[in-house]
Each structure stands twice: as C-alpha cells, then as structure tokens.
N, C-alpha and C. Protein backbone atom coordinates (compact mmCIF):
# COMPACT_ATOMS: atom_id res chain seq x y z
N UNK A 1 -26.63 -7.67 25.43
CA UNK A 1 -26.97 -6.22 25.24
C UNK A 1 -28.24 -5.89 25.86
N UNK A 2 -28.33 -4.84 26.75
CA UNK A 2 -29.49 -4.48 27.41
C UNK A 2 -30.29 -3.56 26.58
N UNK A 3 -31.37 -3.25 27.08
CA UNK A 3 -32.27 -2.32 26.47
C UNK A 3 -31.68 -0.86 26.27
N UNK A 4 -31.01 -0.32 27.29
CA UNK A 4 -30.37 1.01 27.09
C UNK A 4 -29.49 1.18 26.06
N UNK A 5 -28.56 -0.01 25.92
CA UNK A 5 -27.60 -0.02 24.88
C UNK A 5 -28.23 -0.04 23.52
N UNK A 6 -29.30 -0.82 23.27
CA UNK A 6 -30.07 -0.87 22.11
C UNK A 6 -30.63 0.51 21.75
N UNK A 7 -31.28 1.17 22.60
CA UNK A 7 -31.84 2.36 22.47
C UNK A 7 -30.88 3.44 22.14
N UNK A 8 -29.61 3.42 22.75
CA UNK A 8 -28.64 4.42 22.31
C UNK A 8 -28.02 4.07 21.00
N UNK A 9 -27.83 2.70 20.71
CA UNK A 9 -27.38 2.43 19.26
C UNK A 9 -28.40 2.87 18.13
N UNK A 10 -29.69 2.68 18.48
CA UNK A 10 -30.60 3.05 17.32
C UNK A 10 -30.69 4.56 17.44
N UNK A 11 -30.66 5.21 18.51
CA UNK A 11 -30.59 6.73 18.54
C UNK A 11 -29.50 7.23 17.80
N UNK A 12 -28.32 6.65 17.85
CA UNK A 12 -27.18 7.14 17.21
C UNK A 12 -27.36 7.03 15.74
N UNK A 13 -28.03 5.88 15.13
CA UNK A 13 -28.33 5.74 13.77
C UNK A 13 -29.32 6.69 13.42
N UNK A 14 -30.35 6.99 14.14
CA UNK A 14 -31.40 8.02 13.75
C UNK A 14 -30.78 9.43 13.66
N UNK A 15 -29.94 9.75 14.65
CA UNK A 15 -29.42 11.09 14.62
C UNK A 15 -28.28 11.20 13.45
N UNK A 16 -27.63 10.22 13.10
CA UNK A 16 -26.59 10.18 12.16
C UNK A 16 -27.33 10.30 10.63
N UNK A 17 -28.48 9.57 10.65
CA UNK A 17 -29.25 9.74 9.34
C UNK A 17 -29.82 11.16 9.21
N UNK A 18 -30.31 11.75 10.37
CA UNK A 18 -30.70 13.09 10.23
C UNK A 18 -29.66 14.06 9.87
N UNK A 19 -28.43 13.87 10.54
CA UNK A 19 -27.21 14.69 10.19
C UNK A 19 -26.87 14.58 8.68
N UNK A 20 -26.97 13.50 8.12
CA UNK A 20 -26.52 13.32 6.85
C UNK A 20 -27.50 13.82 5.78
N UNK A 21 -28.75 13.76 6.21
CA UNK A 21 -29.89 14.14 5.29
C UNK A 21 -30.36 15.55 5.25
N UNK A 22 -30.02 16.29 6.33
CA UNK A 22 -30.67 17.70 6.45
C UNK A 22 -30.32 18.62 5.49
N UNK A 23 -29.01 18.69 5.22
CA UNK A 23 -28.45 19.62 4.25
C UNK A 23 -28.89 19.38 2.89
N UNK A 24 -28.76 18.14 2.40
CA UNK A 24 -29.15 17.84 0.99
C UNK A 24 -30.76 18.03 0.77
N UNK A 25 -31.49 17.70 1.89
CA UNK A 25 -32.91 17.98 1.74
C UNK A 25 -33.28 19.42 1.65
N UNK A 26 -32.50 20.24 2.69
CA UNK A 26 -32.84 21.70 2.43
C UNK A 26 -32.39 22.23 1.13
N UNK A 27 -31.22 21.88 0.63
CA UNK A 27 -30.91 22.20 -0.85
C UNK A 27 -31.91 21.86 -1.79
N UNK A 28 -32.45 20.67 -1.67
CA UNK A 28 -33.40 20.17 -2.69
C UNK A 28 -34.80 20.97 -2.60
N UNK A 29 -35.10 21.38 -1.29
CA UNK A 29 -36.38 22.08 -1.25
C UNK A 29 -36.33 23.50 -1.73
N UNK A 30 -35.06 24.00 -1.86
CA UNK A 30 -34.96 25.49 -2.53
C UNK A 30 -35.49 25.46 -3.95
N UNK A 31 -35.55 24.30 -4.55
CA UNK A 31 -35.98 24.26 -6.00
C UNK A 31 -37.43 24.49 -6.08
N UNK A 32 -38.29 24.36 -5.00
CA UNK A 32 -39.73 24.40 -5.08
C UNK A 32 -40.18 25.55 -4.34
N UNK A 33 -39.43 26.52 -3.91
CA UNK A 33 -39.94 27.61 -3.17
C UNK A 33 -39.43 28.88 -3.83
N UNK A 34 -40.27 30.00 -3.84
CA UNK A 34 -39.79 31.25 -4.54
C UNK A 34 -39.17 32.22 -3.45
N UNK A 35 -39.53 31.93 -2.19
CA UNK A 35 -38.95 32.81 -1.06
C UNK A 35 -37.87 32.21 -0.34
N UNK A 36 -37.54 30.92 -0.55
CA UNK A 36 -36.65 30.20 0.16
C UNK A 36 -35.37 29.89 -0.98
N UNK A 37 -34.11 30.56 -0.79
CA UNK A 37 -33.22 30.54 -1.73
C UNK A 37 -32.16 29.57 -1.10
N UNK A 38 -31.15 29.25 -2.12
CA UNK A 38 -30.06 28.29 -1.84
C UNK A 38 -29.22 28.69 -0.60
N UNK A 39 -29.13 30.09 -0.47
CA UNK A 39 -28.29 30.49 0.63
C UNK A 39 -28.90 30.25 2.05
N UNK A 40 -30.23 30.20 1.93
CA UNK A 40 -30.91 29.89 3.25
C UNK A 40 -30.80 28.56 3.68
N UNK A 41 -30.44 27.59 2.79
CA UNK A 41 -30.25 26.23 3.28
C UNK A 41 -28.99 26.19 4.19
N UNK A 42 -28.18 27.21 4.16
CA UNK A 42 -27.03 27.24 5.16
C UNK A 42 -27.51 27.16 6.66
N UNK A 43 -28.72 27.68 6.89
CA UNK A 43 -29.16 27.67 8.29
C UNK A 43 -29.41 26.33 8.78
N UNK A 44 -29.30 25.30 8.03
CA UNK A 44 -29.50 23.83 8.47
C UNK A 44 -28.03 23.32 8.99
N UNK A 45 -27.09 24.05 8.72
CA UNK A 45 -25.67 23.59 9.02
C UNK A 45 -25.59 23.32 10.60
N UNK A 46 -25.97 24.21 11.47
CA UNK A 46 -25.80 24.09 12.90
C UNK A 46 -26.77 22.79 13.40
N UNK A 47 -27.78 22.64 12.66
CA UNK A 47 -28.71 21.50 13.11
C UNK A 47 -27.90 20.17 12.75
N UNK A 48 -27.36 20.25 11.43
CA UNK A 48 -26.57 19.00 11.15
C UNK A 48 -25.33 18.63 12.05
N UNK A 49 -24.61 19.85 12.40
CA UNK A 49 -23.64 19.60 13.40
C UNK A 49 -24.06 19.00 14.66
N UNK A 50 -25.15 19.65 15.16
CA UNK A 50 -25.75 19.15 16.45
C UNK A 50 -26.18 17.65 16.41
N UNK A 51 -26.70 17.34 15.29
CA UNK A 51 -27.25 15.94 15.12
C UNK A 51 -26.09 14.90 15.01
N UNK A 52 -25.03 15.41 14.21
CA UNK A 52 -23.81 14.66 14.15
C UNK A 52 -23.07 14.47 15.62
N UNK A 53 -22.96 15.39 16.38
CA UNK A 53 -22.44 15.25 17.66
C UNK A 53 -23.27 14.44 18.46
N UNK A 54 -24.54 14.47 18.40
CA UNK A 54 -25.38 13.56 19.15
C UNK A 54 -25.33 12.30 18.67
N UNK A 55 -25.18 11.90 17.45
CA UNK A 55 -24.85 10.54 16.92
C UNK A 55 -23.61 9.97 17.52
N UNK A 56 -22.68 10.65 17.55
CA UNK A 56 -21.27 10.16 18.01
C UNK A 56 -21.39 10.01 19.53
N UNK A 57 -22.10 10.92 20.17
CA UNK A 57 -22.21 10.67 21.71
C UNK A 57 -23.01 9.46 22.06
N UNK A 58 -24.14 9.21 21.36
CA UNK A 58 -25.00 8.01 21.60
C UNK A 58 -24.19 6.79 21.00
N UNK A 59 -23.43 6.79 20.06
CA UNK A 59 -22.67 5.53 19.61
C UNK A 59 -21.65 5.24 20.62
N UNK A 60 -21.03 6.26 21.10
CA UNK A 60 -19.92 6.05 22.20
C UNK A 60 -20.61 5.42 23.53
N UNK A 61 -21.61 5.90 23.74
CA UNK A 61 -22.45 5.42 24.89
C UNK A 61 -22.87 3.97 24.72
N UNK A 62 -23.42 3.67 23.57
CA UNK A 62 -23.83 2.24 23.20
C UNK A 62 -22.69 1.39 23.13
N UNK A 63 -21.53 1.88 22.80
CA UNK A 63 -20.24 0.99 22.64
C UNK A 63 -19.72 0.77 24.04
N UNK A 64 -19.73 1.66 24.82
CA UNK A 64 -19.18 1.56 26.24
C UNK A 64 -20.14 0.60 27.06
N UNK A 65 -21.50 0.80 26.92
CA UNK A 65 -22.18 0.06 27.74
C UNK A 65 -22.24 -1.49 27.15
N UNK A 66 -22.17 -1.66 25.88
CA UNK A 66 -21.84 -3.13 25.41
C UNK A 66 -20.64 -3.72 25.85
N UNK A 67 -19.54 -3.01 25.93
CA UNK A 67 -18.26 -3.57 26.33
C UNK A 67 -18.22 -3.79 27.86
N UNK A 68 -18.86 -3.00 28.61
CA UNK A 68 -19.05 -3.22 30.05
C UNK A 68 -19.95 -4.33 30.34
N UNK A 69 -20.96 -4.62 29.62
CA UNK A 69 -21.96 -5.72 29.88
C UNK A 69 -21.45 -7.03 29.55
N UNK A 70 -20.74 -7.04 28.38
CA UNK A 70 -20.15 -8.42 27.74
C UNK A 70 -18.83 -7.99 27.43
N UNK A 71 -17.80 -8.54 28.09
CA UNK A 71 -16.40 -8.18 27.85
C UNK A 71 -15.90 -8.70 26.42
N UNK A 72 -16.40 -9.76 26.05
CA UNK A 72 -15.90 -10.51 24.86
C UNK A 72 -16.53 -10.06 23.60
N UNK A 73 -17.53 -9.36 23.71
CA UNK A 73 -18.38 -9.06 22.46
C UNK A 73 -17.89 -7.70 21.96
N UNK A 74 -17.64 -7.33 20.76
CA UNK A 74 -17.30 -5.93 20.35
C UNK A 74 -18.56 -5.08 20.30
N UNK A 75 -18.31 -3.74 20.07
CA UNK A 75 -19.31 -2.81 20.13
C UNK A 75 -20.36 -3.22 19.16
N UNK A 76 -21.58 -2.81 19.45
CA UNK A 76 -22.74 -3.29 18.55
C UNK A 76 -22.52 -2.54 17.14
N UNK A 77 -23.01 -3.34 16.16
CA UNK A 77 -22.82 -2.83 14.82
C UNK A 77 -23.66 -1.49 14.55
N UNK A 78 -24.81 -1.42 15.19
CA UNK A 78 -25.58 -0.28 15.03
C UNK A 78 -24.94 1.02 15.57
N UNK A 79 -24.05 0.77 16.67
CA UNK A 79 -23.41 1.93 17.25
C UNK A 79 -22.30 2.38 16.26
N UNK A 80 -21.59 1.29 15.49
CA UNK A 80 -20.61 1.66 14.51
C UNK A 80 -21.26 2.41 13.46
N UNK A 81 -22.44 1.93 12.92
CA UNK A 81 -23.09 2.68 11.91
C UNK A 81 -23.54 4.02 12.29
N UNK A 82 -23.97 4.19 13.47
CA UNK A 82 -24.26 5.54 13.94
C UNK A 82 -22.97 6.39 14.03
N UNK A 83 -22.01 5.86 14.37
CA UNK A 83 -20.60 6.74 14.45
C UNK A 83 -20.21 7.09 13.03
N UNK A 84 -20.29 6.15 12.03
CA UNK A 84 -19.97 6.53 10.72
C UNK A 84 -20.86 7.55 10.21
N UNK A 85 -22.18 7.47 10.36
CA UNK A 85 -23.13 8.35 9.95
C UNK A 85 -23.00 9.71 10.61
N UNK A 86 -22.60 9.72 11.93
CA UNK A 86 -22.16 11.07 12.57
C UNK A 86 -21.16 11.80 12.08
N UNK A 87 -20.08 10.99 11.66
CA UNK A 87 -18.84 11.58 11.19
C UNK A 87 -19.06 12.19 9.78
N UNK A 88 -19.82 11.30 9.02
CA UNK A 88 -20.25 11.82 7.66
C UNK A 88 -20.95 13.09 7.73
N UNK A 89 -21.95 13.11 8.52
CA UNK A 89 -22.77 14.39 8.65
C UNK A 89 -22.01 15.62 9.15
N UNK A 90 -20.92 15.38 10.02
CA UNK A 90 -20.11 16.43 10.37
C UNK A 90 -19.22 16.97 9.10
N UNK A 91 -18.88 16.04 8.43
CA UNK A 91 -18.13 16.40 7.23
C UNK A 91 -18.89 17.04 6.23
N UNK A 92 -20.18 16.66 6.05
CA UNK A 92 -21.00 17.46 5.18
C UNK A 92 -21.29 18.90 5.71
N UNK A 93 -21.36 18.94 6.97
CA UNK A 93 -21.64 20.26 7.51
C UNK A 93 -20.39 21.14 7.40
N UNK A 94 -19.13 20.59 7.51
CA UNK A 94 -17.94 21.37 7.27
C UNK A 94 -17.89 21.72 5.78
N UNK A 95 -18.25 20.82 4.92
CA UNK A 95 -18.19 21.18 3.48
C UNK A 95 -19.17 22.37 3.24
N UNK A 96 -20.32 22.43 3.87
CA UNK A 96 -21.35 23.43 3.78
C UNK A 96 -20.71 24.89 4.29
N UNK A 97 -20.05 24.72 5.35
CA UNK A 97 -19.37 25.87 5.94
C UNK A 97 -18.28 26.46 4.98
N UNK A 98 -17.58 25.54 4.37
CA UNK A 98 -16.47 25.91 3.50
C UNK A 98 -17.21 26.68 2.23
N UNK A 99 -18.29 26.12 1.72
CA UNK A 99 -18.98 26.64 0.59
C UNK A 99 -19.50 27.99 0.97
N UNK A 100 -20.13 28.23 2.12
CA UNK A 100 -20.65 29.49 2.36
C UNK A 100 -19.41 30.48 2.60
N UNK A 101 -18.32 30.08 3.09
CA UNK A 101 -17.25 30.98 3.24
C UNK A 101 -16.59 31.40 1.88
N UNK A 102 -16.61 30.46 0.78
CA UNK A 102 -16.25 30.85 -0.53
C UNK A 102 -17.16 31.79 -1.11
N UNK A 103 -18.45 31.57 -0.80
CA UNK A 103 -19.59 32.35 -1.47
C UNK A 103 -19.31 33.78 -0.91
N UNK A 104 -19.16 33.83 0.45
CA UNK A 104 -18.87 35.17 1.04
C UNK A 104 -17.67 35.91 0.57
N UNK A 105 -16.69 35.17 0.31
CA UNK A 105 -15.32 35.77 -0.27
C UNK A 105 -15.66 36.28 -1.64
N UNK A 106 -16.28 35.47 -2.46
CA UNK A 106 -16.60 35.88 -3.76
C UNK A 106 -17.51 37.09 -3.91
N UNK A 107 -18.53 37.15 -3.07
CA UNK A 107 -19.39 38.25 -2.96
C UNK A 107 -18.54 39.47 -2.51
N UNK A 108 -17.64 39.29 -1.63
CA UNK A 108 -16.84 40.41 -1.13
C UNK A 108 -15.88 41.11 -2.18
N UNK A 109 -15.29 40.02 -2.84
CA UNK A 109 -14.31 40.40 -3.99
C UNK A 109 -15.14 41.12 -5.11
N UNK A 110 -16.33 40.55 -5.40
CA UNK A 110 -17.11 41.10 -6.47
C UNK A 110 -17.67 42.51 -6.17
N UNK A 111 -17.93 42.60 -5.00
CA UNK A 111 -18.46 44.03 -4.48
C UNK A 111 -17.55 45.07 -4.51
N UNK A 112 -16.21 44.77 -4.48
CA UNK A 112 -15.20 45.74 -4.46
C UNK A 112 -14.83 46.31 -5.83
N UNK A 113 -15.30 45.68 -6.81
CA UNK A 113 -14.94 46.13 -8.26
C UNK A 113 -16.01 47.22 -8.69
C-alpha cells in the first residue's frame, strides 16, 4: 500500500467521523446557548452530507488504489471503516431531514387551527 492509498484511507475515516459527529454535537451545543435553538442544528445537515459523500469518495479511492497496487490483498480496513462511517453519517443526515420535515408539517397543521 503506497502513501496515497494510506492518506485516502485515513481521510475517509476522518471525514466519516466528522459526518457522524456533526449533528449530535450541534444538538448537544443547543443546551448551552440562549440564542442557538434546536432548530438551528438543522443547518449542519448539509455539512454532514458533504462529509459523508467525501468519506465515501475517499474510501473508494483508497480501495481502488489498493486493489490496483496489490491484486491479492483486499481493500484496506481503514477504507472499509471510512465507508461504514460515511454511510452512517448520510443515514443520520437523512434522519435529520425527516425530523425537520415532520416538524415543519406539525407547525403547518398547528398554525391552521
């Protein structure tokens, strides 16, 4: 495994961790701010999606470079971990989008009465 593959694999893990952590951290920080409300944590969803996509792209790059360099060795474990974290981050962002949609629907229905 060359240096480029290693950097891509570690980058995928770092982006995946960021993707998984950004929304819970933003929600947690709402507890300590008077001007930052829970609804404002939704602004981190696009960042989480971007980091998740980046993690998947870097994991794919590391896997492909690893397979091209050494045919008999499977994809590096770090790339697999980055892929799993990226997918998890995208799922968490999707759950955040659904939560915002339900909130918006409830606000709309509540304002009609």
